[in-house]
C-alpha atoms as a PDB file:
ATOM      1  CA  MET A   1     102.014  90.939 108.603  1.00  0.00           C
ATOM      2  CA  SER A   2     105.200  91.244 106.168  1.00  0.00           C
ATOM      3  CA  GLU A   3     108.768  90.787 107.531  1.00  0.00           C
ATOM      4  CA  SER A   4     111.304  93.420 105.882  1.00  0.00           C
ATOM      5  CA  LYS A   5     114.324  91.388 104.886  1.00  0.00           C
ATOM      6  CA  ALA A   6     117.451  93.279 103.652  1.00  0.00           C
ATOM      7  CA  PRO A   7     118.620  92.114 100.069  1.00  0.00           C
ATOM      8  CA  THR A   8     121.522  89.731 100.141  1.00  0.00           C
ATOM      9  CA  THR A   9     124.783  90.435  98.375  1.00  0.00           C
ATOM     10  CA  SER A  10     125.969  88.880  95.132  1.00  0.00           C
ATOM     11  CA  PRO A  11     128.685  86.507  95.204  1.00  0.00           C
ATOM     12  CA  LYS A  12     131.107  88.887  93.528  1.00  0.00           C
ATOM     13  CA  SER A  13     130.497  91.647  95.966  1.00  0.00           C
ATOM     14  CA  GLU A  14     132.309  91.894  99.336  1.00  0.00           C
ATOM     15  CA  LYS A  15     129.715  93.262 101.721  1.00  0.00           C
ATOM     16  CA  SER A  16     126.364  94.968 101.226  1.00  0.00           C
ATOM     17  CA  ALA A  17     125.182  98.115 102.969  1.00  0.00           C
ATOM     18  CA  ALA A  18     123.143  96.015 104.952  1.00  0.00           C
ATOM     19  CA  GLN A  19     125.897  93.980 106.322  1.00  0.00           C
ATOM     20  CA  LYS A  20     128.144  97.060 107.075  1.00  0.00           C
ATOM     21  CA  VAL A  21     125.603  99.343 108.667  1.00  0.00           C
ATOM     22  CA  SER A  22     125.415  99.468 112.617  1.00  0.00           C
ATOM     23  CA  LYS A  23     122.386  97.905 114.521  1.00  0.00           C
ATOM     24  CA  ALA A  24     121.101 101.488 115.198  1.00  0.00           C
ATOM     25  CA  GLY A  25     121.484 102.174 111.524  1.00  0.00           C
ATOM     26  CA  SER A  26     119.804  99.051 110.499  1.00  0.00           C
ATOM     27  CA  PHE A  27     116.740  99.914 112.915  1.00  0.00           C
ATOM     28  CA  ILE A  28     116.520 103.440 111.301  1.00  0.00           C
ATOM     29  CA  ALA A  29     116.815 102.042 107.698  1.00  0.00           C
ATOM     30  CA  GLY A  30     114.115  99.348 108.542  1.00  0.00           C
ATOM     31  CA  GLY A  31     111.827 101.890 110.054  1.00  0.00           C
ATOM     32  CA  LEU A  32     112.224 104.462 107.044  1.00  0.00           C
ATOM     33  CA  ALA A  33     111.428 101.567 104.550  1.00  0.00           C
ATOM     34  CA  ALA A  34     108.396 100.653 106.588  1.00  0.00           C
ATOM     35  CA  CYS A  35     107.090 104.208 106.788  1.00  0.00           C
ATOM     36  CA  ILE A  36     107.388 104.521 103.016  1.00  0.00           C
ATOM     37  CA  ALA A  37     105.541 101.421 102.521  1.00  0.00           C
ATOM     38  CA  VAL A  38     102.858 102.082 105.083  1.00  0.00           C
ATOM     39  CA  THR A  39     102.205 105.527 103.465  1.00  0.00           C
ATOM     40  CA  VAL A  40     101.110 103.599 100.336  1.00  0.00           C
ATOM     41  CA  THR A  41      99.302 100.689 102.103  1.00  0.00           C
ATOM     42  CA  ASN A  42      97.419 102.559 104.962  1.00  0.00           C
ATOM     43  CA  PRO A  43      94.288 103.387 102.870  1.00  0.00           C
ATOM     44  CA  ILE A  44      93.819  99.627 102.265  1.00  0.00           C
ATOM     45  CA  GLU A  45      94.555  98.910 105.941  1.00  0.00           C
ATOM     46  CA  LEU A  46      91.765 101.151 106.802  1.00  0.00           C
ATOM     47  CA  VAL A  47      89.393  99.493 104.421  1.00  0.00           C
ATOM     48  CA  LYS A  48      90.491  96.100 106.086  1.00  0.00           C
ATOM     49  CA  THR A  49      89.654  97.460 109.334  1.00  0.00           C
ATOM     50  CA  ARG A  50      86.141  98.702 108.454  1.00  0.00           C
ATOM     51  CA  MET A  51      85.322  95.483 106.446  1.00  0.00           C
ATOM     52  CA  GLN A  52      86.203  93.457 109.540  1.00  0.00           C
ATOM     53  CA  LEU A  53      83.870  95.544 111.634  1.00  0.00           C
ATOM     54  CA  GLN A  54      80.980  95.678 109.265  1.00  0.00           C
ATOM     55  CA  GLY A  55      78.051  93.344 110.611  1.00  0.00           C
ATOM     56  CA  GLU A  56      79.686  92.962 113.863  1.00  0.00           C
ATOM     57  CA  LEU A  57      77.585  90.498 115.970  1.00  0.00           C
ATOM     58  CA  SER A  58      74.615  90.703 113.668  1.00  0.00           C
ATOM     59  CA  ALA A  59      73.041  87.748 111.865  1.00  0.00           C
ATOM     60  CA  THR A  60      72.281  90.229 108.891  1.00  0.00           C
ATOM     61  CA  ASN A  61      75.301  90.182 106.627  1.00  0.00           C
ATOM     62  CA  GLN A  62      75.771  94.059 106.257  1.00  0.00           C
ATOM     63  CA  LYS A  63      77.594  94.878 103.097  1.00  0.00           C
ATOM     64  CA  ILE A  64      78.312  98.466 102.929  1.00  0.00           C
ATOM     65  CA  TYR A  65      81.885  97.821 101.826  1.00  0.00           C
ATOM     66  CA  LYS A  66      81.569  94.946  99.204  1.00  0.00           C
ATOM     67  CA  ASN A  67      85.119  94.662  98.101  1.00  0.00           C
ATOM     68  CA  PRO A  68      88.531  96.626  98.671  1.00  0.00           C
ATOM     69  CA  PHE A  69      88.185  98.743  95.554  1.00  0.00           C
ATOM     70  CA  GLN A  70      84.624  99.499  95.976  1.00  0.00           C
ATOM     71  CA  ALA A  71      85.378 100.443  99.792  1.00  0.00           C
ATOM     72  CA  LEU A  72      88.155 102.769  98.713  1.00  0.00           C
ATOM     73  CA  SER A  73      85.864 104.587  96.384  1.00  0.00           C
ATOM     74  CA  VAL A  74      83.262 105.061  98.968  1.00  0.00           C
ATOM     75  CA  ILE A  75      85.458 106.323 101.559  1.00  0.00           C
ATOM     76  CA  TYR A  76      87.214 108.702  99.203  1.00  0.00           C
ATOM     77  CA  LYS A  77      83.833 110.074  98.055  1.00  0.00           C
ATOM     78  CA  ASN A  78      82.524 110.551 101.580  1.00  0.00           C
ATOM     79  CA  GLU A  79      85.718 111.482 103.442  1.00  0.00           C
ATOM     80  CA  GLY A  80      88.425 112.587 100.907  1.00  0.00           C
ATOM     81  CA  ILE A  81      91.923 111.691 100.797  1.00  0.00           C
ATOM     82  CA  ARG A  82      92.449 112.674 104.383  1.00  0.00           C
ATOM     83  CA  GLY A  83      89.779 110.042 105.236  1.00  0.00           C
ATOM     84  CA  LEU A  84      92.012 107.279 103.465  1.00  0.00           C
ATOM     85  CA  GLN A  85      94.905 108.278 105.471  1.00  0.00           C
ATOM     86  CA  LYS A  86      93.279 108.085 109.010  1.00  0.00           C
ATOM     87  CA  GLY A  87      95.580 106.702 111.476  1.00  0.00           C
ATOM     88  CA  LEU A  88      98.791 107.201 109.552  1.00  0.00           C
ATOM     89  CA  SER A  89     100.640 108.912 112.279  1.00  0.00           C
ATOM     90  CA  CYS A  90     100.089 105.959 114.542  1.00  0.00           C
ATOM     91  CA  ALA A  91     101.055 103.665 111.869  1.00  0.00           C
ATOM     92  CA  TYR A  92     104.313 105.355 111.340  1.00  0.00           C
ATOM     93  CA  ILE A  93     105.422 105.107 114.878  1.00  0.00           C
ATOM     94  CA  TYR A  94     104.051 101.545 115.062  1.00  0.00           C
ATOM     95  CA  GLN A  95     106.110 100.462 112.077  1.00  0.00           C
ATOM     96  CA  ILE A  96     109.159 101.965 113.492  1.00  0.00           C
ATOM     97  CA  GLY A  97     108.716 100.180 116.827  1.00  0.00           C
ATOM     98  CA  LEU A  98     107.651  96.924 115.152  1.00  0.00           C
ATOM     99  CA  ASN A  99     110.538  96.662 112.728  1.00  0.00           C
ATOM    100  CA  GLY A 100     112.952  97.885 115.511  1.00  0.00           C
ATOM    101  CA  CYS A 101     111.902  95.013 117.636  1.00  0.00           C
ATOM    102  CA  ARG A 102     112.189  92.441 114.870  1.00  0.00           C
ATOM    103  CA  LEU A 103     115.653  93.688 113.977  1.00  0.00           C
ATOM    104  CA  GLY A 104     116.697  94.297 117.485  1.00  0.00           C
ATOM    105  CA  PHE A 105     115.454  91.133 119.383  1.00  0.00           C
ATOM    106  CA  TYR A 106     115.448  88.507 116.504  1.00  0.00           C
ATOM    107  CA  GLU A 107     119.186  87.730 116.792  1.00  0.00           C
ATOM    108  CA  PRO A 108     119.708  87.950 120.493  1.00  0.00           C
ATOM    109  CA  VAL A 109     116.568  85.553 120.840  1.00  0.00           C
ATOM    110  CA  ARG A 110     118.019  83.308 118.145  1.00  0.00           C
ATOM    111  CA  SER A 111     121.479  83.147 119.638  1.00  0.00           C
ATOM    112  CA  THR A 112     120.053  82.334 123.074  1.00  0.00           C
ATOM    113  CA  LEU A 113     117.911  79.575 121.804  1.00  0.00           C
ATOM    114  CA  ASN A 114     120.852  78.178 119.732  1.00  0.00           C
ATOM    115  CA  GLY A 115     122.882  78.224 122.870  1.00  0.00           C
ATOM    116  CA  VAL A 116     120.313  76.299 124.734  1.00  0.00           C
ATOM    117  CA  PHE A 117     119.667  73.624 122.026  1.00  0.00           C
ATOM    118  CA  PHE A 118     123.031  73.519 120.167  1.00  0.00           C
ATOM    119  CA  ALA A 119     125.555  73.956 123.017  1.00  0.00           C
ATOM    120  CA  GLY A 120     129.221  73.874 121.878  1.00  0.00           C
ATOM    121  CA  GLN A 121     128.315  75.127 118.429  1.00  0.00           C
ATOM    122  CA  ASP A 122     128.646  78.674 117.124  1.00  0.00           C
ATOM    123  CA  VAL A 123     125.322  80.095 118.118  1.00  0.00           C
ATOM    124  CA  HIS A 124     125.573  82.717 115.388  1.00  0.00           C
ATOM    125  CA  LYS A 125     126.286  80.296 112.548  1.00  0.00           C
ATOM    126  CA  VAL A 126     123.655  77.603 113.490  1.00  0.00           C
ATOM    127  CA  GLN A 127     120.558  77.791 111.115  1.00  0.00           C
ATOM    128  CA  SER A 128     117.734  75.736 112.695  1.00  0.00           C
ATOM    129  CA  VAL A 129     114.352  76.278 111.330  1.00  0.00           C
ATOM    130  CA  PRO A 130     112.262  75.598 114.408  1.00  0.00           C
ATOM    131  CA  VAL A 131     114.511  78.178 116.374  1.00  0.00           C
ATOM    132  CA  ASN A 132     114.331  80.606 113.540  1.00  0.00           C
ATOM    133  CA  VAL A 133     110.448  80.333 113.612  1.00  0.00           C
ATOM    134  CA  VAL A 134     110.207  80.764 117.351  1.00  0.00           C
ATOM    135  CA  SER A 135     112.692  83.543 117.250  1.00  0.00           C
ATOM    136  CA  GLY A 136     110.648  85.309 114.687  1.00  0.00           C
ATOM    137  CA  ALA A 137     107.488  84.730 116.542  1.00  0.00           C
ATOM    138  CA  LEU A 138     108.908  85.802 119.940  1.00  0.00           C
ATOM    139  CA  SER A 139     110.525  89.104 118.363  1.00  0.00           C
ATOM    140  CA  GLY A 140     107.197  89.923 116.608  1.00  0.00           C
ATOM    141  CA  ILE A 141     105.332  89.346 119.755  1.00  0.00           C
ATOM    142  CA  ILE A 142     107.605  91.724 121.573  1.00  0.00           C
ATOM    143  CA  GLY A 143     106.982  94.317 119.056  1.00  0.00           C
ATOM    144  CA  ALA A 144     103.281  93.878 119.098  1.00  0.00           C
ATOM    145  CA  ILE A 145     103.298  94.241 123.018  1.00  0.00           C
ATOM    146  CA  ILE A 146     105.438  97.362 122.701  1.00  0.00           C
ATOM    147  CA  GLY A 147     103.371  98.774 119.914  1.00  0.00           C
ATOM    148  CA  SER A 148      99.846  97.884 121.223  1.00  0.00           C
ATOM    149  CA  PRO A 149      98.596 101.165 122.394  1.00  0.00           C
ATOM    150  CA  LEU A 150      99.536 102.743 119.225  1.00  0.00           C
ATOM    151  CA  TYR A 151      97.732 100.041 117.112  1.00  0.00           C
ATOM    152  CA  LEU A 152      94.733 100.395 119.626  1.00  0.00           C
ATOM    153  CA  VAL A 153      94.383 104.163 118.708  1.00  0.00           C
ATOM    154  CA  LYS A 154      95.091 103.558 115.016  1.00  0.00           C
ATOM    155  CA  THR A 155      92.232 100.901 114.736  1.00  0.00           C
ATOM    156  CA  ARG A 156      89.815 103.373 116.516  1.00  0.00           C
ATOM    157  CA  MET A 157      90.936 106.388 114.243  1.00  0.00           C
ATOM    158  CA  GLN A 158      90.341 104.204 111.112  1.00  0.00           C
ATOM    159  CA  SER A 159      87.008 102.953 112.022  1.00  0.00           C
ATOM    160  CA  PHE A 160      85.734 106.441 112.967  1.00  0.00           C
ATOM    161  CA  SER A 161      83.576 107.997 110.138  1.00  0.00           C
ATOM    162  CA  THR A 162      80.862 110.854 110.491  1.00  0.00           C
ATOM    163  CA  SER A 163      79.245 109.496 107.247  1.00  0.00           C
ATOM    164  CA  ILE A 164      79.219 105.707 107.457  1.00  0.00           C
ATOM    165  CA  LYS A 165      79.130 104.410 110.974  1.00  0.00           C
ATOM    166  CA  ILE A 166      80.805 100.860 111.299  1.00  0.00           C
ATOM    167  CA  GLY A 167      81.215  99.375 114.700  1.00  0.00           C
ATOM    168  CA  GLU A 168      81.628 101.456 117.807  1.00  0.00           C
ATOM    169  CA  GLN A 169      82.629 104.981 116.998  1.00  0.00           C
ATOM    170  CA  THR A 170      85.422 106.714 118.869  1.00  0.00           C
ATOM    171  CA  HIS A 171      86.906 110.155 117.724  1.00  0.00           C
ATOM    172  CA  TYR A 172      90.538 111.322 118.574  1.00  0.00           C
ATOM    173  CA  ASN A 173      91.897 114.454 117.196  1.00  0.00           C
ATOM    174  CA  SER A 174      95.375 112.908 117.176  1.00  0.00           C
ATOM    175  CA  PHE A 175      97.117 109.778 118.348  1.00  0.00           C
ATOM    176  CA  ILE A 176      98.344 111.901 121.511  1.00  0.00           C
ATOM    177  CA  ASP A 177      94.812 112.636 122.027  1.00  0.00           C
ATOM    178  CA  GLY A 178      93.807 109.014 121.706  1.00  0.00           C
ATOM    179  CA  LEU A 179      96.423 107.839 124.121  1.00  0.00           C
ATOM    180  CA  THR A 180      95.627 110.687 126.627  1.00  0.00           C
ATOM    181  CA  SER A 181      91.834 109.821 126.412  1.00  0.00           C
ATOM    182  CA  ILE A 182      92.469 106.001 126.950  1.00  0.00           C
ATOM    183  CA  TYR A 183      94.710 106.464 129.804  1.00  0.00           C
ATOM    184  CA  LYS A 184      92.152 108.808 131.556  1.00  0.00           C
ATOM    185  CA  LYS A 185      88.851 106.972 130.819  1.00  0.00           C
ATOM    186  CA  GLU A 186      89.774 103.365 130.302  1.00  0.00           C
ATOM    187  CA  GLY A 187      92.055 102.227 133.294  1.00  0.00           C
ATOM    188  CA  GLY A 188      95.115 104.166 133.207  1.00  0.00           C
ATOM    189  CA  PHE A 189      98.258 102.497 131.916  1.00  0.00           C
ATOM    190  CA  LEU A 190      96.665  99.185 131.781  1.00  0.00           C
ATOM    191  CA  GLY A 191      93.868 100.519 129.529  1.00  0.00           C
ATOM    192  CA  LEU A 192      96.565 101.527 126.952  1.00  0.00           C
ATOM    193  CA  PHE A 193      97.315  97.767 126.728  1.00  0.00           C
ATOM    194  CA  ARG A 194      93.630  96.522 126.394  1.00  0.00           C
ATOM    195  CA  GLY A 195      93.560  93.792 123.770  1.00  0.00           C
ATOM    196  CA  VAL A 196      97.142  93.068 123.921  1.00  0.00           C
ATOM    197  CA  ASP A 197      96.330  89.271 124.320  1.00  0.00           C
ATOM    198  CA  ALA A 198      94.706  89.401 120.960  1.00  0.00           C
ATOM    199  CA  ALA A 199      97.654  91.110 119.427  1.00  0.00           C
ATOM    200  CA  ILE A 200      99.837  88.358 120.848  1.00  0.00           C
ATOM    201  CA  LEU A 201      97.694  85.755 119.194  1.00  0.00           C
ATOM    202  CA  ARG A 202      97.604  87.570 115.792  1.00  0.00           C
ATOM    203  CA  THR A 203     101.430  88.338 115.684  1.00  0.00           C
ATOM    204  CA  GLY A 204     102.316  84.949 116.983  1.00  0.00           C
ATOM    205  CA  ALA A 205     100.092  83.173 114.422  1.00  0.00           C
ATOM    206  CA  GLY A 206     101.593  85.126 111.541  1.00  0.00           C
ATOM    207  CA  SER A 207     105.232  85.220 112.585  1.00  0.00           C
ATOM    208  CA  SER A 208     105.261  81.350 113.109  1.00  0.00           C
ATOM    209  CA  VAL A 209     104.409  80.484 109.563  1.00  0.00           C
ATOM    210  CA  GLN A 210     106.011  83.389 107.828  1.00  0.00           C
ATOM    211  CA  LEU A 211     109.627  82.104 107.614  1.00  0.00           C
ATOM    212  CA  PRO A 212     108.859  78.259 106.791  1.00  0.00           C
ATOM    213  CA  ILE A 213     106.560  79.546 103.895  1.00  0.00           C
ATOM    214  CA  TYR A 214     109.221  81.972 102.628  1.00  0.00           C
ATOM    215  CA  ASN A 215     111.943  79.234 102.674  1.00  0.00           C
ATOM    216  CA  ALA A 216     109.705  76.650 101.152  1.00  0.00           C
ATOM    217  CA  ALA A 217     108.480  78.857  98.481  1.00  0.00           C
ATOM    218  CA  LYS A 218     112.232  79.891  97.695  1.00  0.00           C
ATOM    219  CA  ASN A 219     113.493  76.411  97.797  1.00  0.00           C
ATOM    220  CA  PHE A 220     110.732  75.119  95.429  1.00  0.00           C
ATOM    221  CA  LEU A 221     111.335  77.735  92.920  1.00  0.00           C
ATOM    222  CA  LEU A 222     115.115  77.173  92.887  1.00  0.00           C
ATOM    223  CA  GLU A 223     114.960  73.375  92.860  1.00  0.00           C
ATOM    224  CA  ASN A 224     112.504  73.224  90.039  1.00  0.00           C
ATOM    225  CA  ASN A 225     114.628  75.941  88.007  1.00  0.00           C
ATOM    226  CA  ILE A 226     111.565  78.290  87.819  1.00  0.00           C
ATOM    227  CA  MET A 227     113.532  81.124  88.990  1.00  0.00           C
ATOM    228  CA  LYS A 228     117.211  81.875  89.838  1.00  0.00           C
ATOM    229  CA  GLU A 229     118.626  83.559  92.998  1.00  0.00           C
ATOM    230  CA  GLY A 230     118.091  87.260  93.137  1.00  0.00           C
ATOM    231  CA  THR A 231     115.643  90.117  94.009  1.00  0.00           C
ATOM    232  CA  SER A 232     113.006  88.636  91.934  1.00  0.00           C
ATOM    233  CA  LEU A 233     112.968  85.406  93.729  1.00  0.00           C
ATOM    234  CA  HIS A 234     113.073  87.177  97.069  1.00  0.00           C
ATOM    235  CA  LEU A 235     110.074  89.244  96.147  1.00  0.00           C
ATOM    236  CA  VAL A 236     107.963  86.236  94.651  1.00  0.00           C
ATOM    237  CA  SER A 237     108.931  84.042  97.660  1.00  0.00           C
ATOM    238  CA  SER A 238     107.996  87.091 100.122  1.00  0.00           C
ATOM    239  CA  THR A 239     104.755  87.522  98.439  1.00  0.00           C
ATOM    240  CA  MET A 240     103.901  83.931  98.588  1.00  0.00           C
ATOM    241  CA  SER A 241     104.764  83.938 102.201  1.00  0.00           C
ATOM    242  CA  GLY A 242     102.595  87.003 102.722  1.00  0.00           C
ATOM    243  CA  ILE A 243      99.649  85.191 101.311  1.00  0.00           C
ATOM    244  CA  GLY A 244     100.213  82.223 103.603  1.00  0.00           C
ATOM    245  CA  VAL A 245     100.628  84.760 106.494  1.00  0.00           C
ATOM    246  CA  GLY A 246      97.244  86.242 105.507  1.00  0.00           C
ATOM    247  CA  VAL A 247      95.295  82.875 105.488  1.00  0.00           C
ATOM    248  CA  VAL A 248      96.620  82.067 109.009  1.00  0.00           C
ATOM    249  CA  MET A 249      96.636  85.572 110.416  1.00  0.00           C
ATOM    250  CA  ASN A 250      93.264  86.790 109.123  1.00  0.00           C
ATOM    251  CA  PRO A 251      91.072  85.185 111.908  1.00  0.00           C
ATOM    252  CA  TRP A 252      92.954  86.669 114.596  1.00  0.00           C
ATOM    253  CA  ASP A 253      93.189  90.040 112.828  1.00  0.00           C
ATOM    254  CA  VAL A 254      89.396  90.135 112.870  1.00  0.00           C
ATOM    255  CA  ILE A 255      89.451  89.445 116.547  1.00  0.00           C
ATOM    256  CA  LEU A 256      92.107  91.898 117.212  1.00  0.00           C
ATOM    257  CA  THR A 257      90.343  94.758 115.446  1.00  0.00           C
ATOM    258  CA  ARG A 258      87.050  94.144 117.164  1.00  0.00           C
ATOM    259  CA  VAL A 259      88.623  93.763 120.701  1.00  0.00           C
ATOM    260  CA  TYR A 260      90.582  97.018 120.072  1.00  0.00           C
ATOM    261  CA  ASN A 261      87.767  98.994 118.693  1.00  0.00           C
ATOM    262  CA  GLN A 262      85.364  98.178 121.535  1.00  0.00           C
ATOM    263  CA  LYS A 263      84.756 101.028 124.268  1.00  0.00           C
ATOM    264  CA  GLY A 264      82.950  98.841 126.677  1.00  0.00           C
ATOM    265  CA  ASP A 265      82.811  95.405 127.561  1.00  0.00           C
ATOM    266  CA  LEU A 266      81.265  93.783 124.376  1.00  0.00           C
ATOM    267  CA  TYR A 267      84.102  91.132 124.530  1.00  0.00           C
ATOM    268  CA  LYS A 268      85.709  89.626 127.708  1.00  0.00           C
ATOM    269  CA  GLY A 269      88.830  88.853 125.651  1.00  0.00           C
ATOM    270  CA  PRO A 270      89.945  87.221 122.274  1.00  0.00           C
ATOM    271  CA  ILE A 271      88.452  83.944 122.822  1.00  0.00           C
ATOM    272  CA  ASP A 272      85.130  85.294 123.911  1.00  0.00           C
ATOM    273  CA  CYS A 273      85.148  87.494 120.904  1.00  0.00           C
ATOM    274  CA  PHE A 274      86.164  84.362 118.568  1.00  0.00           C
ATOM    275  CA  VAL A 275      83.239  82.518 120.152  1.00  0.00           C
ATOM    276  CA  LYS A 276      80.570  85.254 119.768  1.00  0.00           C
ATOM    277  CA  THR A 277      81.710  86.129 116.201  1.00  0.00           C
ATOM    278  CA  VAL A 278      81.370  82.391 114.902  1.00  0.00           C
ATOM    279  CA  ARG A 279      78.145  81.670 116.950  1.00  0.00           C
ATOM    280  CA  ILE A 280      76.300  84.875 115.567  1.00  0.00           C
ATOM    281  CA  GLU A 281      78.081  85.511 112.255  1.00  0.00           C
ATOM    282  CA  GLY A 282      79.354  82.199 111.164  1.00  0.00           C
ATOM    283  CA  ILE A 283      82.679  80.947 110.421  1.00  0.00           C
ATOM    284  CA  GLY A 284      82.986  83.031 107.463  1.00  0.00           C
ATOM    285  CA  ALA A 285      83.039  86.123 109.568  1.00  0.00           C
ATOM    286  CA  LEU A 286      86.772  85.373 110.590  1.00  0.00           C
ATOM    287  CA  TYR A 287      87.827  86.030 106.892  1.00  0.00           C
ATOM    288  CA  LYS A 288      86.163  89.421 106.506  1.00  0.00           C
ATOM    289  CA  GLY A 289      88.522  91.868 104.916  1.00  0.00           C
ATOM    290  CA  PHE A 290      90.705  88.910 103.668  1.00  0.00           C
ATOM    291  CA  GLY A 291      90.743  90.432 100.243  1.00  0.00           C
ATOM    292  CA  ALA A 292      92.028  93.721 101.524  1.00  0.00           C
ATOM    293  CA  GLN A 293      94.324  91.783 103.602  1.00  0.00           C
ATOM    294  CA  LEU A 294      96.006  90.307 100.571  1.00  0.00           C
ATOM    295  CA  PHE A 295      95.734  93.531  98.785  1.00  0.00           C
ATOM    296  CA  ARG A 296      97.838  95.040 101.627  1.00  0.00           C
ATOM    297  CA  ILE A 297     100.378  92.437 102.197  1.00  0.00           C
ATOM    298  CA  ALA A 298     101.761  92.033  98.802  1.00  0.00           C
ATOM    299  CA  PRO A 299     102.640  95.776  97.987  1.00  0.00           C
ATOM    300  CA  HIS A 300     103.766  96.381 101.643  1.00  0.00           C
ATOM    301  CA  THR A 301     106.203  93.377 101.311  1.00  0.00           C
ATOM    302  CA  ILE A 302     107.404  94.537  97.919  1.00  0.00           C
ATOM    303  CA  LEU A 303     107.827  98.125  98.921  1.00  0.00           C
ATOM    304  CA  CYS A 304     109.455  97.276 102.244  1.00  0.00           C
ATOM    305  CA  LEU A 305     112.073  95.077 100.359  1.00  0.00           C
ATOM    306  CA  THR A 306     112.727  97.684  97.626  1.00  0.00           C
ATOM    307  CA  PHE A 307     113.276 100.583  99.842  1.00  0.00           C
ATOM    308  CA  MET A 308     115.085  98.652 102.334  1.00  0.00           C
ATOM    309  CA  GLU A 309     117.945  98.328 100.014  1.00  0.00           C
ATOM    310  CA  GLN A 310     117.888 102.114  99.262  1.00  0.00           C
ATOM    311  CA  THR A 311     117.525 103.179 102.919  1.00  0.00           C
ATOM    312  CA  MET A 312     120.318 100.883 104.031  1.00  0.00           C
ATOM    313  CA  LYS A 313     122.692 102.490 101.511  1.00  0.00           C
ATOM    314  CA  LEU A 314     121.383 105.904 102.613  1.00  0.00           C
ATOM    315  CA  VAL A 315     122.026 105.175 106.384  1.00  0.00           C
ATOM    316  CA  TYR A 316     125.400 103.515 105.662  1.00  0.00           C
ATOM    317  CA  GLY A 317     126.504 106.497 103.596  1.00  0.00           C
ATOM    318  CA  VAL A 318     125.664 108.908 106.486  1.00  0.00           C
ATOM    319  CA  GLU A 319     127.405 106.598 109.007  1.00  0.00           C
ATOM    320  CA  LYS A 320     130.503 106.372 106.956  1.00  0.00           C
ATOM    321  CA  ARG A 321     130.660 110.223 106.650  1.00  0.00           C
ATOM    322  CA  LEU A 322     130.002 110.695 110.323  1.00  0.00           C
ATOM    323  CA  PHE A 323     132.481 108.053 111.713  1.00  0.00           C
ATOM    324  CA  ALA A 324     135.216 107.911 109.052  1.00  0.00           C
END
C-alpha cells in the first residue's frame, strides 16, 4: 500500500507546482499519477491475489503459481494480455477515490487532532509524528471504506479464470455488472460493503507504519551521509517504507482477499478467516503472495512519485490558463 507524495521544492525555487495547484487539482493530479502506476502494476496485483487464494483452507500446499514471474508467464500463456489486466477498470476508479481521500482528508484530520492536542499553536505548522501517523491511518481507512465495493469487485474479477480455477469463482462482464450483481444477490447496499472490516484492518495496519518507516529511513540516510536531500532520497526512503508496509500489511491483505472473494459464508469475518487460515494452512499462509506484494509496491511507489511531479505540472498549467 504506497502513499503518493508530491516532490518537495529545492531551496532555490519559490513554490513547486504541487504547492501552487488547488485542492481539486491536487486530487486530479494524484489520481492521474496513481492510474498510470496501476496500469503497470495491475498484472502483479492480479498475481498476488491468486497466490493468496491458492491452497485456501487446504492442508495440501497447492503450488500452481510458484513465484511472481512464473505466475505472470502461466497467466499470460493461458489468458493472454487481457487476462493480466483483469480488474483494471475497477483499479482505476479505486485509486482515484483512495488517493482523493488521502489528499482530501489527511490535512483536515491532522489539523483537527493538532487542535485537540496542541491547543494554542498553529495547527497547520505543528508536526507531531503520532498525530501524522494517526491522520495517515484514518484518511487511508476512509478511502478504503469508500472504495470497498470496487475493491470487492476487482478481487473477484482478478481471481476468475476459465483455465486455472483458484478459490471461489465469480464471473462479471464489467465492474458495473459486478456491482449490480452483488447488490441484487448479496444483500443490497450492505452487500457492496461485505468485508469492509477486513479492509479497515488491512489499511489501518499499513498506514500506521508507512510514515514512521519513511521518516526513519530518510533520517538514517541523511544523518549517516549515505544520501543527500533530493528525489533519489525520497525514492529510496519510499521503497524502504513500502517494504515495511508489505511486511506488516500482508497477513491482513491475505485475509482481505479471501473474505472479499467468498460468495457464501466460508468466513464469518476477518478474525474468523485469520483463525481458520492459520489453523488449517499454518502461519506461513499469512505471507502467501508476499513476493508479489513487494514486487508491486516498489514500482508502484516509484511510478506514483515520478508521475506525480509531471501530473502536478500538467494540472497547474491547465489551472493557470483557465483561471488566469
